[in-house]
Amino acid sequence: MTLRSALPLLALAAACAHGPSAATPAATRAGAAGPAPADYFPLAVGHAWTYVDESPALPPGSRGETRTVRILERTADGYFRDNERGELRADRDCVHDRLRRLLCAPLEKGAAWSSVVSVSSTERFEIAGVGETVATPAGTFDGCVRVRAHNRASAETDHVLEITYAPGVGPVRIETFAVVKGEVTPQVRAVLKAYQVGGR
């Protein structure tokens, strides 16, 4: 897998999932208070994020490719479409694409939700970290939320996607891993190089 296949930003979960969310977090159904997912992924026409590819699987000379995802328009049904044909919408409790929920309230470590990917496979999302600090070429961001998604490809293989979101900025780090027989192999690592969000 390459950075090109892990992006566009607005379709990141395609690396792990192919189906709609089957469950809503219980705390979300209960109307939990706290920061909104949209605070961690601000969506508006003109917002843009540029990432640099630091994927460990690439030869050293091939690292450093950049890719920019820019929101171009808002669809009639409220989704923000980017230059890579990805689409996202922020509702009260979740930021989601047309198939799955990517970031859901409550933004608390351990909060989880799932999607049925196929008859024999279920994707599991969980908030793996809150209040994290992430250093990137675009700066150092505090108060980040890290979401981990698991998709079991076979009895011995698990695909893992981690996206770390910074408040007021959006995704600042994107990583994928293959876990085969318990052995973790990093695949894609992309970190934020520059962004245009809310006039910044």
C-alpha atoms as a PDB file:
ATOM      1  CA  MET A   1       0.000   0.000   0.000  1.00  0.00           C
ATOM      2  CA  THR A   2       1.201   3.514  -0.833  1.00  0.00           C
ATOM      3  CA  LEU A   3       0.262   7.001   0.282  1.00  0.00           C
ATOM      4  CA  ARG A   4      -1.676   7.363  -2.962  1.00  0.00           C
ATOM      5  CA  SER A   5      -3.866   4.421  -2.020  1.00  0.00           C
ATOM      6  CA  ALA A   6      -4.285   5.569   1.583  1.00  0.00           C
ATOM      7  CA  LEU A   7      -5.492   8.993   0.461  1.00  0.00           C
ATOM      8  CA  PRO A   8      -7.730  10.795  -0.506  1.00  0.00           C
ATOM      9  CA  LEU A   9      -8.231  12.086   2.960  1.00  0.00           C
ATOM     10  CA  LEU A  10     -11.985  12.117   2.705  1.00  0.00           C
ATOM     11  CA  ALA A  11     -12.067   8.384   1.907  1.00  0.00           C
ATOM     12  CA  LEU A  12      -9.383   7.171   4.291  1.00  0.00           C
ATOM     13  CA  ALA A  13     -11.401   4.384   5.771  1.00  0.00           C
ATOM     14  CA  ALA A  14     -11.554   2.652   2.396  1.00  0.00           C
ATOM     15  CA  ALA A  15      -8.180   1.197   3.340  1.00  0.00           C
ATOM     16  CA  CYS A  16      -9.963  -0.870   5.968  1.00  0.00           C
ATOM     17  CA  ALA A  17     -13.703  -0.856   5.406  1.00  0.00           C
ATOM     18  CA  HIS A  18     -16.225  -1.424   2.669  1.00  0.00           C
ATOM     19  CA  GLY A  19     -19.563  -1.314   4.469  1.00  0.00           C
ATOM     20  CA  PRO A  20     -21.857   0.935   6.469  1.00  0.00           C
ATOM     21  CA  SER A  21     -21.711   1.238  10.188  1.00  0.00           C
ATOM     22  CA  ALA A  22     -23.866  -1.334  11.877  1.00  0.00           C
ATOM     23  CA  ALA A  23     -23.835   0.043  15.384  1.00  0.00           C
ATOM     24  CA  THR A  24     -23.910   3.441  17.030  1.00  0.00           C
ATOM     25  CA  PRO A  25     -21.904   3.885  20.240  1.00  0.00           C
ATOM     26  CA  ALA A  26     -24.146   3.560  23.280  1.00  0.00           C
ATOM     27  CA  ALA A  27     -22.850   6.778  24.804  1.00  0.00           C
ATOM     28  CA  THR A  28     -23.628   8.586  21.546  1.00  0.00           C
ATOM     29  CA  ARG A  29     -27.182   7.265  21.566  1.00  0.00           C
ATOM     30  CA  ALA A  30     -27.503   8.575  25.087  1.00  0.00           C
ATOM     31  CA  GLY A  31     -26.524  12.073  23.904  1.00  0.00           C
ATOM     32  CA  ALA A  32     -23.200  12.341  25.724  1.00  0.00           C
ATOM     33  CA  ALA A  33     -21.823  15.855  26.112  1.00  0.00           C
ATOM     34  CA  GLY A  34     -18.280  16.881  25.236  1.00  0.00           C
ATOM     35  CA  PRO A  35     -16.298  17.956  22.174  1.00  0.00           C
ATOM     36  CA  ALA A  36     -17.994  17.280  18.861  1.00  0.00           C
ATOM     37  CA  PRO A  37     -16.268  15.114  16.234  1.00  0.00           C
ATOM     38  CA  ALA A  38     -16.651  18.016  13.777  1.00  0.00           C
ATOM     39  CA  ASP A  39     -14.298  20.031  16.018  1.00  0.00           C
ATOM     40  CA  TYR A  40     -11.574  17.551  15.035  1.00  0.00           C
ATOM     41  CA  PHE A  41     -12.300  17.532  11.311  1.00  0.00           C
ATOM     42  CA  PRO A  42     -13.477  20.974  10.169  1.00  0.00           C
ATOM     43  CA  LEU A  43     -15.220  20.696   6.814  1.00  0.00           C
ATOM     44  CA  ALA A  44     -15.719  23.664   4.473  1.00  0.00           C
ATOM     45  CA  VAL A  45     -15.174  24.431   0.824  1.00  0.00           C
ATOM     46  CA  GLY A  46     -11.559  25.548   0.328  1.00  0.00           C
ATOM     47  CA  HIS A  47     -10.094  23.649   3.272  1.00  0.00           C
ATOM     48  CA  ALA A  48      -7.002  21.676   2.251  1.00  0.00           C
ATOM     49  CA  TRP A  49      -4.466  19.290   3.780  1.00  0.00           C
ATOM     50  CA  THR A  50      -1.046  18.378   2.365  1.00  0.00           C
ATOM     51  CA  TYR A  51       0.665  15.196   3.556  1.00  0.00           C
ATOM     52  CA  VAL A  52       4.186  13.898   3.158  1.00  0.00           C
ATOM     53  CA  ASP A  53       4.729  10.173   2.666  1.00  0.00           C
ATOM     54  CA  GLU A  54       7.036   8.704   5.310  1.00  0.00           C
ATOM     55  CA  SER A  55       5.980   5.098   4.676  1.00  0.00           C
ATOM     56  CA  PRO A  56       8.610   2.720   6.081  1.00  0.00           C
ATOM     57  CA  ALA A  57       7.942   0.189   3.317  1.00  0.00           C
ATOM     58  CA  LEU A  58       9.262   2.617   0.704  1.00  0.00           C
ATOM     59  CA  PRO A  59      12.959   2.805  -0.203  1.00  0.00           C
ATOM     60  CA  PRO A  60      14.520   5.862   1.482  1.00  0.00           C
ATOM     61  CA  GLY A  61      14.933   7.619  -1.859  1.00  0.00           C
ATOM     62  CA  SER A  62      11.223   7.285  -2.620  1.00  0.00           C
ATOM     63  CA  ARG A  63       9.972   8.857   0.593  1.00  0.00           C
ATOM     64  CA  GLY A  64       8.854  12.455   0.724  1.00  0.00           C
ATOM     65  CA  GLU A  65       6.130  12.458  -1.926  1.00  0.00           C
ATOM     66  CA  THR A  66       3.408  14.942  -1.053  1.00  0.00           C
ATOM     67  CA  ARG A  67      -0.290  14.847  -1.748  1.00  0.00           C
ATOM     68  CA  THR A  68      -2.888  17.562  -1.234  1.00  0.00           C
ATOM     69  CA  VAL A  69      -6.583  16.995  -0.659  1.00  0.00           C
ATOM     70  CA  ARG A  70      -8.800  20.057  -1.106  1.00  0.00           C
ATOM     71  CA  ILE A  71     -12.545  20.357  -0.529  1.00  0.00           C
ATOM     72  CA  LEU A  72     -14.078  21.644  -3.739  1.00  0.00           C
ATOM     73  CA  GLU A  73     -17.824  21.716  -3.176  1.00  0.00           C
ATOM     74  CA  ARG A  74     -20.763  20.811  -1.003  1.00  0.00           C
ATOM     75  CA  THR A  75     -23.305  18.436  -2.475  1.00  0.00           C
ATOM     76  CA  ALA A  76     -27.042  19.007  -2.391  1.00  0.00           C
ATOM     77  CA  ASP A  77     -27.367  16.464   0.438  1.00  0.00           C
ATOM     78  CA  GLY A  78     -24.698  18.099   2.609  1.00  0.00           C
ATOM     79  CA  TYR A  79     -21.524  16.124   1.869  1.00  0.00           C
ATOM     80  CA  PHE A  80     -18.236  17.919   1.220  1.00  0.00           C
ATOM     81  CA  ARG A  81     -16.586  16.572  -1.942  1.00  0.00           C
ATOM     82  CA  ASP A  82     -12.802  16.779  -2.432  1.00  0.00           C
ATOM     83  CA  ASN A  83     -10.518  16.769  -5.475  1.00  0.00           C
ATOM     84  CA  GLU A  84     -10.164  12.973  -5.179  1.00  0.00           C
ATOM     85  CA  ARG A  85     -13.929  12.337  -5.238  1.00  0.00           C
ATOM     86  CA  GLY A  86     -14.026  11.602  -1.508  1.00  0.00           C
ATOM     87  CA  GLU A  87     -17.095  12.832   0.370  1.00  0.00           C
ATOM     88  CA  LEU A  88     -17.604  13.562   4.064  1.00  0.00           C
ATOM     89  CA  ARG A  89     -20.320  15.025   6.243  1.00  0.00           C
ATOM     90  CA  ALA A  90     -20.319  16.003   9.912  1.00  0.00           C
ATOM     91  CA  ASP A  91     -23.483  15.275  11.847  1.00  0.00           C
ATOM     92  CA  ARG A  92     -24.024  15.909  15.543  1.00  0.00           C
ATOM     93  CA  ASP A  93     -22.410  12.690  16.730  1.00  0.00           C
ATOM     94  CA  CYS A  94     -20.133  11.528  13.886  1.00  0.00           C
ATOM     95  CA  VAL A  95     -17.998  12.547  10.953  1.00  0.00           C
ATOM     96  CA  HIS A  96     -18.775  10.031   8.219  1.00  0.00           C
ATOM     97  CA  ASP A  97     -18.491   9.283   4.543  1.00  0.00           C
ATOM     98  CA  ARG A  98     -21.346   7.735   2.596  1.00  0.00           C
ATOM     99  CA  LEU A  99     -20.596   4.245   3.926  1.00  0.00           C
ATOM    100  CA  ARG A 100     -19.075   4.418   7.389  1.00  0.00           C
ATOM    101  CA  ARG A 101     -18.537   6.483  10.518  1.00  0.00           C
ATOM    102  CA  LEU A 102     -14.928   7.637  10.900  1.00  0.00           C
ATOM    103  CA  LEU A 103     -14.976   9.619  14.158  1.00  0.00           C
ATOM    104  CA  CYS A 104     -17.809   9.412  16.687  1.00  0.00           C
ATOM    105  CA  ALA A 105     -18.689  10.859  20.081  1.00  0.00           C
ATOM    106  CA  PRO A 106     -18.012  10.463  22.892  1.00  0.00           C
ATOM    107  CA  LEU A 107     -14.374  11.361  22.250  1.00  0.00           C
ATOM    108  CA  GLU A 108     -13.149   9.216  25.117  1.00  0.00           C
ATOM    109  CA  LYS A 109     -10.502   6.513  25.159  1.00  0.00           C
ATOM    110  CA  GLY A 110     -12.117   3.124  24.719  1.00  0.00           C
ATOM    111  CA  ALA A 111     -15.271   4.356  22.958  1.00  0.00           C
ATOM    112  CA  ALA A 112     -16.016   1.948  20.117  1.00  0.00           C
ATOM    113  CA  TRP A 113     -18.330   1.243  17.210  1.00  0.00           C
ATOM    114  CA  SER A 114     -18.379  -1.340  14.416  1.00  0.00           C
ATOM    115  CA  SER A 115     -19.310  -1.965  10.795  1.00  0.00           C
ATOM    116  CA  VAL A 116     -20.301  -5.183   9.092  1.00  0.00           C
ATOM    117  CA  VAL A 117     -17.873  -5.388   6.166  1.00  0.00           C
ATOM    118  CA  SER A 118     -19.078  -8.700   4.777  1.00  0.00           C
ATOM    119  CA  VAL A 119     -20.878 -11.831   5.910  1.00  0.00           C
ATOM    120  CA  SER A 120     -17.682 -13.080   7.535  1.00  0.00           C
ATOM    121  CA  SER A 121     -15.938  -9.837   8.530  1.00  0.00           C
ATOM    122  CA  THR A 122     -16.682  -6.970  10.908  1.00  0.00           C
ATOM    123  CA  GLU A 123     -14.633  -3.783  11.083  1.00  0.00           C
ATOM    124  CA  ARG A 124     -14.059  -2.410  14.582  1.00  0.00           C
ATOM    125  CA  PHE A 125     -13.349   1.250  15.333  1.00  0.00           C
ATOM    126  CA  GLU A 126     -12.097   2.439  18.701  1.00  0.00           C
ATOM    127  CA  ILE A 127     -10.712   5.626  20.172  1.00  0.00           C
ATOM    128  CA  ALA A 128      -7.217   4.483  21.096  1.00  0.00           C
ATOM    129  CA  GLY A 129      -5.929   7.731  22.558  1.00  0.00           C
ATOM    130  CA  VAL A 130      -7.054  11.195  23.658  1.00  0.00           C
ATOM    131  CA  GLY A 131      -5.093  14.263  24.697  1.00  0.00           C
ATOM    132  CA  GLU A 132      -2.089  13.183  22.622  1.00  0.00           C
ATOM    133  CA  THR A 133       0.625  15.467  21.257  1.00  0.00           C
ATOM    134  CA  VAL A 134       1.740  14.885  17.663  1.00  0.00           C
ATOM    135  CA  ALA A 135       4.733  16.549  15.998  1.00  0.00           C
ATOM    136  CA  THR A 136       4.527  16.949  12.203  1.00  0.00           C
ATOM    137  CA  PRO A 137       6.202  19.139   9.574  1.00  0.00           C
ATOM    138  CA  ALA A 138       3.128  21.396   9.840  1.00  0.00           C
ATOM    139  CA  GLY A 139       3.702  21.921  13.574  1.00  0.00           C
ATOM    140  CA  THR A 140       3.079  20.274  16.917  1.00  0.00           C
ATOM    141  CA  PHE A 141      -0.532  19.649  17.836  1.00  0.00           C
ATOM    142  CA  ASP A 142      -1.880  19.068  21.351  1.00  0.00           C
ATOM    143  CA  GLY A 143      -5.143  17.502  22.448  1.00  0.00           C
ATOM    144  CA  CYS A 144      -5.255  15.006  19.578  1.00  0.00           C
ATOM    145  CA  VAL A 145      -7.622  12.046  19.310  1.00  0.00           C
ATOM    146  CA  ARG A 146      -6.330   8.795  17.764  1.00  0.00           C
ATOM    147  CA  VAL A 147      -8.808   6.405  16.148  1.00  0.00           C
ATOM    148  CA  ARG A 148      -7.898   2.813  15.335  1.00  0.00           C
ATOM    149  CA  ALA A 149      -9.829   0.613  12.894  1.00  0.00           C
ATOM    150  CA  HIS A 150      -9.347  -3.166  12.633  1.00  0.00           C
ATOM    151  CA  ASN A 151     -10.456  -5.320   9.728  1.00  0.00           C
ATOM    152  CA  ARG A 152      -9.757  -9.053   9.975  1.00  0.00           C
ATOM    153  CA  ALA A 153      -8.828 -10.258   6.502  1.00  0.00           C
ATOM    154  CA  SER A 154      -8.363 -13.884   7.556  1.00  0.00           C
ATOM    155  CA  ALA A 155      -7.871 -16.017  10.641  1.00  0.00           C
ATOM    156  CA  GLU A 156      -4.220 -14.922  10.747  1.00  0.00           C
ATOM    157  CA  THR A 157      -4.287 -11.436   9.205  1.00  0.00           C
ATOM    158  CA  ASP A 158      -5.633  -8.155  10.541  1.00  0.00           C
ATOM    159  CA  HIS A 159      -5.471  -4.816   8.707  1.00  0.00           C
ATOM    160  CA  VAL A 160      -5.176  -1.799  11.008  1.00  0.00           C
ATOM    161  CA  LEU A 161      -5.710   1.877  10.155  1.00  0.00           C
ATOM    162  CA  GLU A 162      -4.897   4.656  12.639  1.00  0.00           C
ATOM    163  CA  ILE A 163      -5.881   8.282  12.073  1.00  0.00           C
ATOM    164  CA  THR A 164      -4.888  10.978  14.554  1.00  0.00           C
ATOM    165  CA  TYR A 165      -7.046  14.118  14.519  1.00  0.00           C
ATOM    166  CA  ALA A 166      -6.030  17.519  15.927  1.00  0.00           C
ATOM    167  CA  PRO A 167      -8.713  19.911  17.174  1.00  0.00           C
ATOM    168  CA  GLY A 168      -9.488  22.639  14.677  1.00  0.00           C
ATOM    169  CA  VAL A 169      -7.187  21.077  12.078  1.00  0.00           C
ATOM    170  CA  GLY A 170      -8.247  17.566  11.058  1.00  0.00           C
ATOM    171  CA  PRO A 171      -6.153  14.454  10.434  1.00  0.00           C
ATOM    172  CA  VAL A 172      -2.475  15.107  11.193  1.00  0.00           C
ATOM    173  CA  ARG A 173      -1.133  11.548  10.998  1.00  0.00           C
ATOM    174  CA  ILE A 174      -2.345   8.506   9.045  1.00  0.00           C
ATOM    175  CA  GLU A 175      -0.832   5.045   9.483  1.00  0.00           C
ATOM    176  CA  THR A 176      -1.683   1.544   8.318  1.00  0.00           C
ATOM    177  CA  PHE A 177      -0.327  -1.776   9.563  1.00  0.00           C
ATOM    178  CA  ALA A 178      -0.633  -5.432   8.656  1.00  0.00           C
ATOM    179  CA  VAL A 179      -0.779  -7.828  11.595  1.00  0.00           C
ATOM    180  CA  VAL A 180       0.025 -11.375  10.504  1.00  0.00           C
ATOM    181  CA  LYS A 181       0.175 -14.109  13.146  1.00  0.00           C
ATOM    182  CA  GLY A 182       0.682 -11.389  15.765  1.00  0.00           C
ATOM    183  CA  GLU A 183       3.580  -9.741  13.930  1.00  0.00           C
ATOM    184  CA  VAL A 184       3.004  -6.063  13.153  1.00  0.00           C
ATOM    185  CA  THR A 185       4.329  -4.664   9.871  1.00  0.00           C
ATOM    186  CA  PRO A 186       4.007  -0.884   9.275  1.00  0.00           C
ATOM    187  CA  GLN A 187       2.804  -0.053   5.767  1.00  0.00           C
ATOM    188  CA  VAL A 188       1.722   3.555   5.211  1.00  0.00           C
ATOM    189  CA  ARG A 189       2.697   6.593   7.280  1.00  0.00           C
ATOM    190  CA  ALA A 190       1.612  10.059   6.174  1.00  0.00           C
ATOM    191  CA  VAL A 191       2.039  13.194   8.272  1.00  0.00           C
ATOM    192  CA  LEU A 192       0.660  16.677   7.800  1.00  0.00           C
ATOM    193  CA  LYS A 193       2.979  19.075   6.016  1.00  0.00           C
ATOM    194  CA  ALA A 194       0.648  22.044   5.521  1.00  0.00           C
ATOM    195  CA  TYR A 195      -3.021  22.900   5.848  1.00  0.00           C
ATOM    196  CA  GLN A 196      -5.553  25.602   5.012  1.00  0.00           C
ATOM    197  CA  VAL A 197      -8.385  25.484   7.531  1.00  0.00           C
ATOM    198  CA  GLY A 198     -10.494  28.390   8.740  1.00  0.00           C
ATOM    199  CA  GLY A 199      -8.207  30.985   7.199  1.00  0.00           C
ATOM    200  CA  ARG A 200      -4.988  29.441   8.554  1.00  0.00           C
END
